[in-house]
Structure formats: C-alpha cells, structure tokens
Amino acid sequence: MVQAYILIQTEVGKATAVAQAVSKVTGVLQAEDVTGPYDVIVRAEADTVDDLGRLVVAQVQQVEGITRTLTCPVVHL
C-alpha cells in the first residue's frame, strides 16, 4: 500500500467545495481545508505508485476548482 499527501491549490473561494468533492474520491482517506500556500491537503492511498498516479491525474485533478497539485508520497525510513 502506498500513501501520499496531495497538496492542492484552488481557485479563490473554492477550497471548501474542492475538499468536499475530493473527500468522496475512492482512495482518499482525508481532505482538509488549510491556510498557507496550499488550500487543501489530502491524504490518499493506493495499491501501487502507478495506481496512486492514476488516482491523482484521473480523479483528483479533474475536480472543478483545482488549479495545481503536488503529490508527496509517504516514506518509512
């Protein structure tokens, strides 16, 4: 299982709607509105890195109001 944080920038005023929409995507564990350079932070999981990439590109990035994402895979050192 691969987990990652997805940092999301949204259009102005769209953070809450984006967080609610993204939280319904299969594989998303949590979606929170935050302040700072990003507007929403998501924790997601998938079986493989490739599946995680498909989750981000095919589902998360398709949510209306998202302008940019940055995916940060979790590592266990």
PDB file of N, CA and C in Angstrom:
ATOM      1  N   MET A   1       0.841  -1.184   0.000  1.00  0.00           N
ATOM      2  CA  MET A   1       0.000   0.000   0.000  1.00  0.00           C
ATOM      3  C   MET A   1       0.883   1.243   0.000  1.00  0.00           C
ATOM      4  N   VAL A   2       0.577   2.189  -0.870  1.00  0.00           N
ATOM      5  CA  VAL A   2       1.297   3.452  -0.977  1.00  0.00           C
ATOM      6  C   VAL A   2       0.372   4.565  -0.491  1.00  0.00           C
ATOM      7  N   GLN A   3       0.888   5.414   0.388  1.00  0.00           N
ATOM      8  CA  GLN A   3       0.118   6.565   0.844  1.00  0.00           C
ATOM      9  C   GLN A   3       0.839   7.836   0.448  1.00  0.00           C
ATOM     10  N   ALA A   4       0.066   8.912   0.308  1.00  0.00           N
ATOM     11  CA  ALA A   4       0.658  10.193  -0.074  1.00  0.00           C
ATOM     12  C   ALA A   4      -0.202  11.326   0.445  1.00  0.00           C
ATOM     13  N   TYR A   5       0.453  12.475   0.611  1.00  0.00           N
ATOM     14  CA  TYR A   5      -0.262  13.726   0.839  1.00  0.00           C
ATOM     15  C   TYR A   5      -0.331  14.429  -0.507  1.00  0.00           C
ATOM     16  N   ILE A   6      -1.495  14.949  -0.826  1.00  0.00           N
ATOM     17  CA  ILE A   6      -1.678  15.707  -2.059  1.00  0.00           C
ATOM     18  C   ILE A   6      -1.980  17.142  -1.637  1.00  0.00           C
ATOM     19  N   LEU A   7      -1.085  18.056  -1.991  1.00  0.00           N
ATOM     20  CA  LEU A   7      -1.248  19.464  -1.664  1.00  0.00           C
ATOM     21  C   LEU A   7      -1.936  20.127  -2.842  1.00  0.00           C
ATOM     22  N   ILE A   8      -3.019  20.832  -2.577  1.00  0.00           N
ATOM     23  CA  ILE A   8      -3.860  21.357  -3.647  1.00  0.00           C
ATOM     24  C   ILE A   8      -4.003  22.871  -3.535  1.00  0.00           C
ATOM     25  N   GLN A   9      -3.798  23.543  -4.657  1.00  0.00           N
ATOM     26  CA  GLN A   9      -4.139  24.956  -4.772  1.00  0.00           C
ATOM     27  C   GLN A   9      -5.452  25.040  -5.537  1.00  0.00           C
ATOM     28  N   THR A  10      -6.325  25.950  -5.101  1.00  0.00           N
ATOM     29  CA  THR A  10      -7.638  26.079  -5.728  1.00  0.00           C
ATOM     30  C   THR A  10      -7.862  27.504  -6.217  1.00  0.00           C
ATOM     31  N   GLU A  11      -8.904  27.659  -6.996  1.00  0.00           N
ATOM     32  CA  GLU A  11      -9.361  28.999  -7.353  1.00  0.00           C
ATOM     33  C   GLU A  11      -9.815  29.690  -6.068  1.00  0.00           C
ATOM     34  N   VAL A  12      -9.787  31.002  -6.060  1.00  0.00           N
ATOM     35  CA  VAL A  12     -10.181  31.771  -4.880  1.00  0.00           C
ATOM     36  C   VAL A  12     -11.610  31.412  -4.469  1.00  0.00           C
ATOM     37  N   GLY A  13     -11.776  31.100  -3.186  1.00  0.00           N
ATOM     38  CA  GLY A  13     -13.097  30.803  -2.648  1.00  0.00           C
ATOM     39  C   GLY A  13     -13.602  29.397  -2.900  1.00  0.00           C
ATOM     40  N   LYS A  14     -12.776  28.533  -3.470  1.00  0.00           N
ATOM     41  CA  LYS A  14     -13.224  27.179  -3.835  1.00  0.00           C
ATOM     42  C   LYS A  14     -12.699  26.078  -2.911  1.00  0.00           C
ATOM     43  N   ALA A  15     -11.924  26.422  -1.888  1.00  0.00           N
ATOM     44  CA  ALA A  15     -11.268  25.401  -1.066  1.00  0.00           C
ATOM     45  C   ALA A  15     -12.260  24.437  -0.418  1.00  0.00           C
ATOM     46  N   THR A  16     -13.305  24.948   0.178  1.00  0.00           N
ATOM     47  CA  THR A  16     -14.263  24.077   0.865  1.00  0.00           C
ATOM     48  C   THR A  16     -14.953  23.139  -0.108  1.00  0.00           C
ATOM     49  N   ALA A  17     -15.389  23.659  -1.253  1.00  0.00           N
ATOM     50  CA  ALA A  17     -16.059  22.821  -2.248  1.00  0.00           C
ATOM     51  C   ALA A  17     -15.108  21.763  -2.794  1.00  0.00           C
ATOM     52  N   VAL A  18     -13.849  22.134  -3.027  1.00  0.00           N
ATOM     53  CA  VAL A  18     -12.861  21.166  -3.518  1.00  0.00           C
ATOM     54  C   VAL A  18     -12.613  20.084  -2.472  1.00  0.00           C
ATOM     55  N   ALA A  19     -12.428  20.467  -1.215  1.00  0.00           N
ATOM     56  CA  ALA A  19     -12.191  19.483  -0.159  1.00  0.00           C
ATOM     57  C   ALA A  19     -13.357  18.506  -0.050  1.00  0.00           C
ATOM     58  N   GLN A  20     -14.578  19.014  -0.138  1.00  0.00           N
ATOM     59  CA  GLN A  20     -15.748  18.132  -0.056  1.00  0.00           C
ATOM     60  C   GLN A  20     -15.808  17.180  -1.242  1.00  0.00           C
ATOM     61  N   ALA A  21     -15.543  17.686  -2.430  1.00  0.00           N
ATOM     62  CA  ALA A  21     -15.593  16.840  -3.632  1.00  0.00           C
ATOM     63  C   ALA A  21     -14.486  15.796  -3.620  1.00  0.00           C
ATOM     64  N   VAL A  22     -13.275  16.203  -3.258  1.00  0.00           N
ATOM     65  CA  VAL A  22     -12.142  15.273  -3.249  1.00  0.00           C
ATOM     66  C   VAL A  22     -12.331  14.199  -2.182  1.00  0.00           C
ATOM     67  N   SER A  23     -12.944  14.543  -1.073  1.00  0.00           N
ATOM     68  CA  SER A  23     -13.131  13.565   0.004  1.00  0.00           C
ATOM     69  C   SER A  23     -14.003  12.391  -0.429  1.00  0.00           C
ATOM     70  N   LYS A  24     -14.770  12.547  -1.499  1.00  0.00           N
ATOM     71  CA  LYS A  24     -15.644  11.476  -1.999  1.00  0.00           C
ATOM     72  C   LYS A  24     -14.945  10.546  -2.983  1.00  0.00           C
ATOM     73  N   VAL A  25     -13.717  10.879  -3.385  1.00  0.00           N
ATOM     74  CA  VAL A  25     -12.968  10.055  -4.338  1.00  0.00           C
ATOM     75  C   VAL A  25     -12.476   8.788  -3.644  1.00  0.00           C
ATOM     76  N   THR A  26     -12.678   7.649  -4.269  1.00  0.00           N
ATOM     77  CA  THR A  26     -12.195   6.387  -3.722  1.00  0.00           C
ATOM     78  C   THR A  26     -10.678   6.426  -3.603  1.00  0.00           C
ATOM     79  N   GLY A  27     -10.172   6.095  -2.421  1.00  0.00           N
ATOM     80  CA  GLY A  27      -8.740   6.139  -2.170  1.00  0.00           C
ATOM     81  C   GLY A  27      -8.329   7.329  -1.329  1.00  0.00           C
ATOM     82  N   VAL A  28      -9.195   8.326  -1.230  1.00  0.00           N
ATOM     83  CA  VAL A  28      -8.916   9.488  -0.387  1.00  0.00           C
ATOM     84  C   VAL A  28      -9.329   9.158   1.038  1.00  0.00           C
ATOM     85  N   LEU A  29      -8.386   9.285   1.959  1.00  0.00           N
ATOM     86  CA  LEU A  29      -8.648   8.990   3.360  1.00  0.00           C
ATOM     87  C   LEU A  29      -9.147  10.216   4.109  1.00  0.00           C
ATOM     88  N   GLN A  30      -8.639  11.387   3.716  1.00  0.00           N
ATOM     89  CA  GLN A  30      -8.982  12.616   4.428  1.00  0.00           C
ATOM     90  C   GLN A  30      -8.700  13.809   3.520  1.00  0.00           C
ATOM     91  N   ALA A  31      -9.522  14.831   3.604  1.00  0.00           N
ATOM     92  CA  ALA A  31      -9.309  16.080   2.860  1.00  0.00           C
ATOM     93  C   ALA A  31      -9.645  17.230   3.797  1.00  0.00           C
ATOM     94  N   GLU A  32      -8.692  18.139   3.964  1.00  0.00           N
ATOM     95  CA  GLU A  32      -8.854  19.249   4.909  1.00  0.00           C
ATOM     96  C   GLU A  32      -8.558  20.576   4.234  1.00  0.00           C
ATOM     97  N   ASP A  33      -9.367  21.601   4.544  1.00  0.00           N
ATOM     98  CA  ASP A  33      -9.049  22.980   4.158  1.00  0.00           C
ATOM     99  C   ASP A  33      -7.922  23.443   5.076  1.00  0.00           C
ATOM    100  N   VAL A  34      -6.949  24.142   4.516  1.00  0.00           N
ATOM    101  CA  VAL A  34      -5.846  24.667   5.322  1.00  0.00           C
ATOM    102  C   VAL A  34      -5.530  26.096   4.865  1.00  0.00           C
ATOM    103  N   THR A  35      -4.711  26.786   5.644  1.00  0.00           N
ATOM    104  CA  THR A  35      -4.237  28.104   5.238  1.00  0.00           C
ATOM    105  C   THR A  35      -2.775  27.981   4.853  1.00  0.00           C
ATOM    106  N   GLY A  36      -2.285  28.956   4.115  1.00  0.00           N
ATOM    107  CA  GLY A  36      -0.897  28.926   3.672  1.00  0.00           C
ATOM    108  C   GLY A  36      -0.824  28.864   2.170  1.00  0.00           C
ATOM    109  N   PRO A  37       0.296  28.371   1.638  1.00  0.00           N
ATOM    110  CA  PRO A  37       0.464  28.355   0.182  1.00  0.00           C
ATOM    111  C   PRO A  37      -0.462  27.363  -0.523  1.00  0.00           C
ATOM    112  N   TYR A  38      -0.992  26.390   0.207  1.00  0.00           N
ATOM    113  CA  TYR A  38      -1.948  25.438  -0.359  1.00  0.00           C
ATOM    114  C   TYR A  38      -3.286  25.630   0.334  1.00  0.00           C
ATOM    115  N   ASP A  39      -4.350  25.255  -0.337  1.00  0.00           N
ATOM    116  CA  ASP A  39      -5.704  25.480   0.164  1.00  0.00           C
ATOM    117  C   ASP A  39      -6.347  24.223   0.734  1.00  0.00           C
ATOM    118  N   VAL A  40      -5.942  23.066   0.233  1.00  0.00           N
ATOM    119  CA  VAL A  40      -6.482  21.776   0.680  1.00  0.00           C
ATOM    120  C   VAL A  40      -5.323  20.796   0.758  1.00  0.00           C
ATOM    121  N   ILE A  41      -5.314  20.000   1.821  1.00  0.00           N
ATOM    122  CA  ILE A  41      -4.355  18.895   1.920  1.00  0.00           C
ATOM    123  C   ILE A  41      -5.151  17.603   2.034  1.00  0.00           C
ATOM    124  N   VAL A  42      -4.758  16.642   1.204  1.00  0.00           N
ATOM    125  CA  VAL A  42      -5.452  15.360   1.120  1.00  0.00           C
ATOM    126  C   VAL A  42      -4.480  14.249   1.505  1.00  0.00           C
ATOM    127  N   ARG A  43      -4.969  13.260   2.235  1.00  0.00           N
ATOM    128  CA  ARG A  43      -4.200  12.031   2.464  1.00  0.00           C
ATOM    129  C   ARG A  43      -4.902  10.947   1.664  1.00  0.00           C
ATOM    130  N   ALA A  44      -4.145  10.265   0.824  1.00  0.00           N
ATOM    131  CA  ALA A  44      -4.714   9.246  -0.057  1.00  0.00           C
ATOM    132  C   ALA A  44      -3.875   7.984  -0.015  1.00  0.00           C
ATOM    133  N   GLU A  45      -4.477   6.886  -0.462  1.00  0.00           N
ATOM    134  CA  GLU A  45      -3.732   5.631  -0.544  1.00  0.00           C
ATOM    135  C   GLU A  45      -4.154   4.860  -1.781  1.00  0.00           C
ATOM    136  N   ALA A  46      -3.217   4.039  -2.263  1.00  0.00           N
ATOM    137  CA  ALA A  46      -3.454   3.187  -3.429  1.00  0.00           C
ATOM    138  C   ALA A  46      -2.560   1.961  -3.300  1.00  0.00           C
ATOM    139  N   ASP A  47      -2.837   0.952  -4.105  1.00  0.00           N
ATOM    140  CA  ASP A  47      -2.063  -0.289  -4.034  1.00  0.00           C
ATOM    141  C   ASP A  47      -0.627  -0.109  -4.513  1.00  0.00           C
ATOM    142  N   THR A  48      -0.438   0.672  -5.567  1.00  0.00           N
ATOM    143  CA  THR A  48       0.896   0.860  -6.142  1.00  0.00           C
ATOM    144  C   THR A  48       1.125   2.338  -6.451  1.00  0.00           C
ATOM    145  N   VAL A  49       2.362   2.690  -6.758  1.00  0.00           N
ATOM    146  CA  VAL A  49       2.673   4.061  -7.164  1.00  0.00           C
ATOM    147  C   VAL A  49       1.925   4.411  -8.453  1.00  0.00           C
ATOM    148  N   ASP A  50       1.850   3.471  -9.375  1.00  0.00           N
ATOM    149  CA  ASP A  50       1.118   3.720 -10.616  1.00  0.00           C
ATOM    150  C   ASP A  50      -0.363   3.986 -10.338  1.00  0.00           C
ATOM    151  N   ASP A  51      -0.958   3.205  -9.446  1.00  0.00           N
ATOM    152  CA  ASP A  51      -2.357   3.423  -9.076  1.00  0.00           C
ATOM    153  C   ASP A  51      -2.532   4.787  -8.410  1.00  0.00           C
ATOM    154  N   LEU A  52      -1.571   5.181  -7.603  1.00  0.00           N
ATOM    155  CA  LEU A  52      -1.616   6.498  -6.966  1.00  0.00           C
ATOM    156  C   LEU A  52      -1.577   7.594  -8.027  1.00  0.00           C
ATOM    157  N   GLY A  53      -0.714   7.447  -9.006  1.00  0.00           N
ATOM    158  CA  GLY A  53      -0.643   8.416 -10.102  1.00  0.00           C
ATOM    159  C   GLY A  53      -1.955   8.520 -10.848  1.00  0.00           C
ATOM    160  N   ARG A  54      -2.578   7.373 -11.123  1.00  0.00           N
ATOM    161  CA  ARG A  54      -3.874   7.382 -11.804  1.00  0.00           C
ATOM    162  C   ARG A  54      -4.944   8.049 -10.945  1.00  0.00           C
ATOM    163  N   LEU A  55      -4.907   7.806  -9.633  1.00  0.00           N
ATOM    164  CA  LEU A  55      -5.856   8.433  -8.712  1.00  0.00           C
ATOM    165  C   LEU A  55      -5.742   9.958  -8.788  1.00  0.00           C
ATOM    166  N   VAL A  56      -4.514  10.454  -8.762  1.00  0.00           N
ATOM    167  CA  VAL A  56      -4.290  11.903  -8.783  1.00  0.00           C
ATOM    168  C   VAL A  56      -4.693  12.497 -10.127  1.00  0.00           C
ATOM    169  N   VAL A  57      -4.198  11.923 -11.216  1.00  0.00           N
ATOM    170  CA  VAL A  57      -4.416  12.507 -12.542  1.00  0.00           C
ATOM    171  C   VAL A  57      -5.847  12.304 -13.042  1.00  0.00           C
ATOM    172  N   ALA A  58      -6.377  11.113 -12.894  1.00  0.00           N
ATOM    173  CA  ALA A  58      -7.677  10.803 -13.483  1.00  0.00           C
ATOM    174  C   ALA A  58      -8.857  11.204 -12.607  1.00  0.00           C
ATOM    175  N   GLN A  59      -8.627  11.361 -11.299  1.00  0.00           N
ATOM    176  CA  GLN A  59      -9.764  11.652 -10.431  1.00  0.00           C
ATOM    177  C   GLN A  59      -9.608  12.964  -9.670  1.00  0.00           C
ATOM    178  N   VAL A  60      -8.541  13.103  -8.911  1.00  0.00           N
ATOM    179  CA  VAL A  60      -8.396  14.301  -8.083  1.00  0.00           C
ATOM    180  C   VAL A  60      -8.259  15.544  -8.956  1.00  0.00           C
ATOM    181  N   GLN A  61      -7.368  15.527  -9.941  1.00  0.00           N
ATOM    182  CA  GLN A  61      -7.139  16.718 -10.754  1.00  0.00           C
ATOM    183  C   GLN A  61      -8.341  17.097 -11.620  1.00  0.00           C
ATOM    184  N   GLN A  62      -9.310  16.225 -11.735  1.00  0.00           N
ATOM    185  CA  GLN A  62     -10.499  16.520 -12.531  1.00  0.00           C
ATOM    186  C   GLN A  62     -11.558  17.288 -11.739  1.00  0.00           C
ATOM    187  N   VAL A  63     -11.359  17.439 -10.433  1.00  0.00           N
ATOM    188  CA  VAL A  63     -12.323  18.166  -9.603  1.00  0.00           C
ATOM    189  C   VAL A  63     -12.294  19.650  -9.989  1.00  0.00           C
ATOM    190  N   GLU A  64     -13.466  20.196 -10.217  1.00  0.00           N
ATOM    191  CA  GLU A  64     -13.573  21.600 -10.614  1.00  0.00           C
ATOM    192  C   GLU A  64     -13.068  22.523  -9.501  1.00  0.00           C
ATOM    193  N   GLY A  65     -12.267  23.501  -9.880  1.00  0.00           N
ATOM    194  CA  GLY A  65     -11.750  24.473  -8.920  1.00  0.00           C
ATOM    195  C   GLY A  65     -10.299  24.263  -8.553  1.00  0.00           C
ATOM    196  N   ILE A  66      -9.723  23.116  -8.929  1.00  0.00           N
ATOM    197  CA  ILE A  66      -8.316  22.855  -8.641  1.00  0.00           C
ATOM    198  C   ILE A  66      -7.449  23.505  -9.718  1.00  0.00           C
ATOM    199  N   THR A  67      -6.417  24.226  -9.274  1.00  0.00           N
ATOM    200  CA  THR A  67      -5.506  24.849 -10.238  1.00  0.00           C
ATOM    201  C   THR A  67      -4.150  24.160 -10.285  1.00  0.00           C
ATOM    202  N   ARG A  68      -3.737  23.513  -9.179  1.00  0.00           N
ATOM    203  CA  ARG A  68      -2.424  22.858  -9.143  1.00  0.00           C
ATOM    204  C   ARG A  68      -2.403  21.839  -8.007  1.00  0.00           C
ATOM    205  N   THR A  69      -1.692  20.726  -8.234  1.00  0.00           N
ATOM    206  CA  THR A  69      -1.483  19.735  -7.173  1.00  0.00           C
ATOM    207  C   THR A  69       0.000  19.418  -7.048  1.00  0.00           C
ATOM    208  N   LEU A  70       0.370  18.981  -5.860  1.00  0.00           N
ATOM    209  CA  LEU A  70       1.714  18.488  -5.598  1.00  0.00           C
ATOM    210  C   LEU A  70       1.555  17.226  -4.765  1.00  0.00           C
ATOM    211  N   THR A  71       2.003  16.096  -5.285  1.00  0.00           N
ATOM    212  CA  THR A  71       1.846  14.810  -4.599  1.00  0.00           C
ATOM    213  C   THR A  71       3.123  14.472  -3.853  1.00  0.00           C
ATOM    214  N   CYS A  72       2.991  14.158  -2.563  1.00  0.00           N
ATOM    215  CA  CYS A  72       4.126  13.863  -1.688  1.00  0.00           C
ATOM    216  C   CYS A  72       3.946  12.457  -1.109  1.00  0.00           C
ATOM    217  N   PRO A  73       4.556  11.437  -1.712  1.00  0.00           N
ATOM    218  CA  PRO A  73       4.428  10.075  -1.187  1.00  0.00           C
ATOM    219  C   PRO A  73       5.022   9.972   0.225  1.00  0.00           C
ATOM    220  N   VAL A  74       4.378   9.172   1.050  1.00  0.00           N
ATOM    221  CA  VAL A  74       4.864   8.913   2.409  1.00  0.00           C
ATOM    222  C   VAL A  74       5.953   7.839   2.322  1.00  0.00           C
ATOM    223  N   VAL A  75       7.074   8.073   3.007  1.00  0.00           N
ATOM    224  CA  VAL A  75       8.147   7.087   3.067  1.00  0.00           C
ATOM    225  C   VAL A  75       8.350   6.669   4.524  1.00  0.00           C
ATOM    226  N   HIS A  76       8.782   5.462   4.704  1.00  0.00           N
ATOM    227  CA  HIS A  76       9.063   4.932   6.050  1.00  0.00           C
ATOM    228  C   HIS A  76      10.548   4.647   6.137  1.00  0.00           C
ATOM    229  N   LEU A  77      11.281   5.542   6.792  1.00  0.00           N
ATOM    230  CA  LEU A  77      12.731   5.420   6.879  1.00  0.00           C
ATOM    231  C   LEU A  77      13.148   4.631   8.106  1.00  0.00           C
TER     232      LEU A  77
END
